[in-house]
Amino acid sequence: QVQLVESGGGLVQAGGSLRLSCAASGRTFSNYAMAWFRQAPGKEREFVAAISWSGSSTSYADSVKGRFTISRDNAKNTVPLQMNSLKPEDTAVYYCAAKLATHGGTYTSMKAYDYWGQGAQVTVSS
């Protein structure tokens, strides 16, 4: 089992920044590929960003590319998501996810992930 806990959500004005963090525990963190997804009210959960087990590969949704940055610290078992130039359409509950890696790349499909956090609310006001 892997336990994931998100933190760092909140309310910010459009154009501002927030930094989410995902803290993992329970298994060897460096064996897991990680990702962030989000779900806005009335919409399906969607992919935001992913990072490989080593941190050498990252992937981003087109809607956040150039504004969001995913990283990982395998010594601290954390996966930060730095969000800059936030827009009202970024408002959602953000979820951290973990998948036991079987290759050195990233996974962008929600169905690939085995473990999920409880979510952190991000609200961007216009």
Protein backbone atom coordinates (compact mmCIF):
# COMPACT_ATOMS: atom_id res chain seq x y z
CA GLN A 1 0.00 0.00 0.00
CA VAL A 2 1.01 3.56 -0.70
CA GLN A 3 -0.53 6.45 1.18
CA LEU A 4 -0.66 9.85 -0.51
CA VAL A 5 -1.48 13.16 1.15
CA GLU A 6 -1.85 16.41 -0.79
CA SER A 7 -1.27 19.85 0.72
CA GLY A 8 -0.88 23.44 -0.39
CA GLY A 9 -4.25 24.14 -1.96
CA GLY A 10 -6.17 27.36 -1.43
CA LEU A 11 -7.64 30.49 -2.96
CA VAL A 12 -5.60 32.68 -5.29
CA GLN A 13 -6.31 35.47 -7.75
CA ALA A 14 -5.92 34.95 -11.46
CA GLY A 15 -2.29 35.38 -12.46
CA GLY A 16 -1.05 34.19 -9.10
CA SER A 17 0.86 31.09 -8.04
CA LEU A 18 0.37 28.10 -5.78
CA ARG A 19 2.56 25.15 -4.90
CA LEU A 20 0.92 21.82 -4.20
CA SER A 21 2.81 19.00 -2.57
CA CYS A 22 2.13 15.26 -2.37
CA ALA A 23 3.69 13.31 0.48
CA ALA A 24 3.99 9.56 -0.02
CA SER A 25 4.50 6.79 2.51
CA GLY A 26 4.25 3.02 2.76
CA ARG A 27 6.45 1.61 0.01
CA THR A 28 9.70 2.43 -1.81
CA PHE A 29 8.77 5.77 -3.28
CA SER A 30 11.41 5.70 -6.01
CA ASN A 31 9.75 2.61 -7.56
CA TYR A 32 6.66 4.63 -8.39
CA ALA A 33 5.78 6.91 -11.25
CA MET A 34 3.70 9.85 -10.05
CA ALA A 35 1.13 12.23 -11.46
CA TRP A 36 -1.31 14.99 -10.73
CA PHE A 37 -4.90 14.96 -11.97
CA ARG A 38 -7.73 17.42 -11.37
CA GLN A 39 -11.50 17.42 -11.34
CA ALA A 40 -13.62 20.54 -11.72
CA PRO A 41 -17.27 20.61 -10.61
CA GLY A 42 -19.47 18.75 -13.07
CA LYS A 43 -16.51 17.54 -15.13
CA GLU A 44 -14.54 14.34 -15.41
CA ARG A 45 -11.16 13.95 -13.76
CA GLU A 46 -8.38 14.94 -16.16
CA PHE A 47 -4.64 14.56 -16.45
CA VAL A 48 -2.46 17.51 -15.44
CA ALA A 49 1.17 16.36 -15.16
CA ALA A 50 3.23 13.21 -14.70
CA ILE A 51 6.79 12.32 -13.76
CA SER A 52 8.77 9.11 -14.14
CA TRP A 53 10.16 7.16 -11.21
CA SER A 54 13.60 8.72 -11.68
CA GLY A 55 12.35 12.21 -12.41
CA SER A 56 14.09 12.23 -15.79
CA SER A 57 10.84 12.32 -17.80
CA THR A 58 7.83 14.59 -17.41
CA SER A 59 4.57 15.08 -19.30
CA TYR A 60 1.99 17.87 -19.19
CA ALA A 61 -1.52 18.50 -20.40
CA ASP A 62 -1.57 21.13 -23.15
CA SER A 63 -3.71 23.36 -20.95
CA VAL A 64 -0.98 23.71 -18.30
CA LYS A 65 2.19 23.39 -20.36
CA GLY A 66 4.54 26.30 -19.70
CA ARG A 67 2.68 27.29 -16.52
CA PHE A 68 2.92 24.20 -14.27
CA THR A 69 6.02 22.26 -13.26
CA ILE A 70 6.07 18.80 -11.70
CA SER A 71 9.12 17.52 -9.83
CA ARG A 72 9.99 14.91 -7.25
CA ASP A 73 12.33 14.48 -4.31
CA ASN A 74 12.98 10.78 -3.80
CA ALA A 75 14.86 11.48 -0.57
CA LYS A 76 11.85 13.24 0.95
CA ASN A 77 9.16 11.17 -0.78
CA THR A 78 7.41 14.23 -2.15
CA VAL A 79 6.04 15.37 -5.50
CA PRO A 80 5.54 19.14 -5.76
CA LEU A 81 3.42 20.79 -8.43
CA GLN A 82 4.36 24.42 -8.98
CA MET A 83 1.47 26.31 -10.58
CA ASN A 84 2.10 29.76 -12.05
CA SER A 85 -0.04 32.17 -14.06
CA LEU A 86 -3.16 30.56 -12.70
CA LYS A 87 -6.46 31.00 -14.51
CA PRO A 88 -10.05 30.64 -13.25
CA GLU A 89 -10.35 27.50 -15.39
CA ASP A 90 -7.64 25.88 -13.24
CA THR A 91 -10.14 25.78 -10.37
CA ALA A 92 -10.56 22.13 -9.36
CA VAL A 93 -9.76 19.51 -6.78
CA TYR A 94 -6.22 18.32 -7.49
CA TYR A 95 -5.31 14.67 -6.87
CA CYS A 96 -1.93 13.03 -6.52
CA ALA A 97 -1.57 9.50 -7.92
CA ALA A 98 1.07 6.75 -7.81
CA LYS A 99 1.78 3.78 -10.06
CA LEU A 100 4.39 1.05 -9.63
CA ALA A 101 6.64 1.76 -12.61
CA THR A 102 7.25 -0.90 -15.25
CA HIS A 103 9.27 1.38 -17.54
CA GLY A 104 11.24 4.60 -17.32
CA GLY A 105 8.64 6.91 -18.80
CA THR A 106 5.46 8.61 -17.64
CA TYR A 107 1.85 7.45 -17.46
CA THR A 108 -0.89 9.89 -18.45
CA SER A 109 -3.97 7.68 -18.22
CA MET A 110 -6.00 7.80 -15.02
CA LYS A 111 -6.63 4.07 -15.34
CA ALA A 112 -2.92 3.32 -14.99
CA TYR A 113 -2.71 4.56 -11.41
CA ASP A 114 -3.12 2.33 -8.40
CA TYR A 115 -3.10 4.78 -5.51
CA TRP A 116 -4.76 8.16 -5.01
CA GLY A 117 -4.71 10.93 -2.47
CA GLN A 118 -7.78 12.58 -0.99
CA GLY A 119 -7.43 15.74 -3.06
CA ALA A 120 -6.67 19.41 -2.46
CA GLN A 121 -8.97 22.26 -3.49
CA VAL A 122 -7.53 24.98 -5.70
CA THR A 123 -9.74 27.99 -6.39
CA VAL A 124 -8.67 30.76 -8.77
CA SER A 125 -10.74 33.93 -8.65
CA SER A 126 -11.08 36.27 -11.61
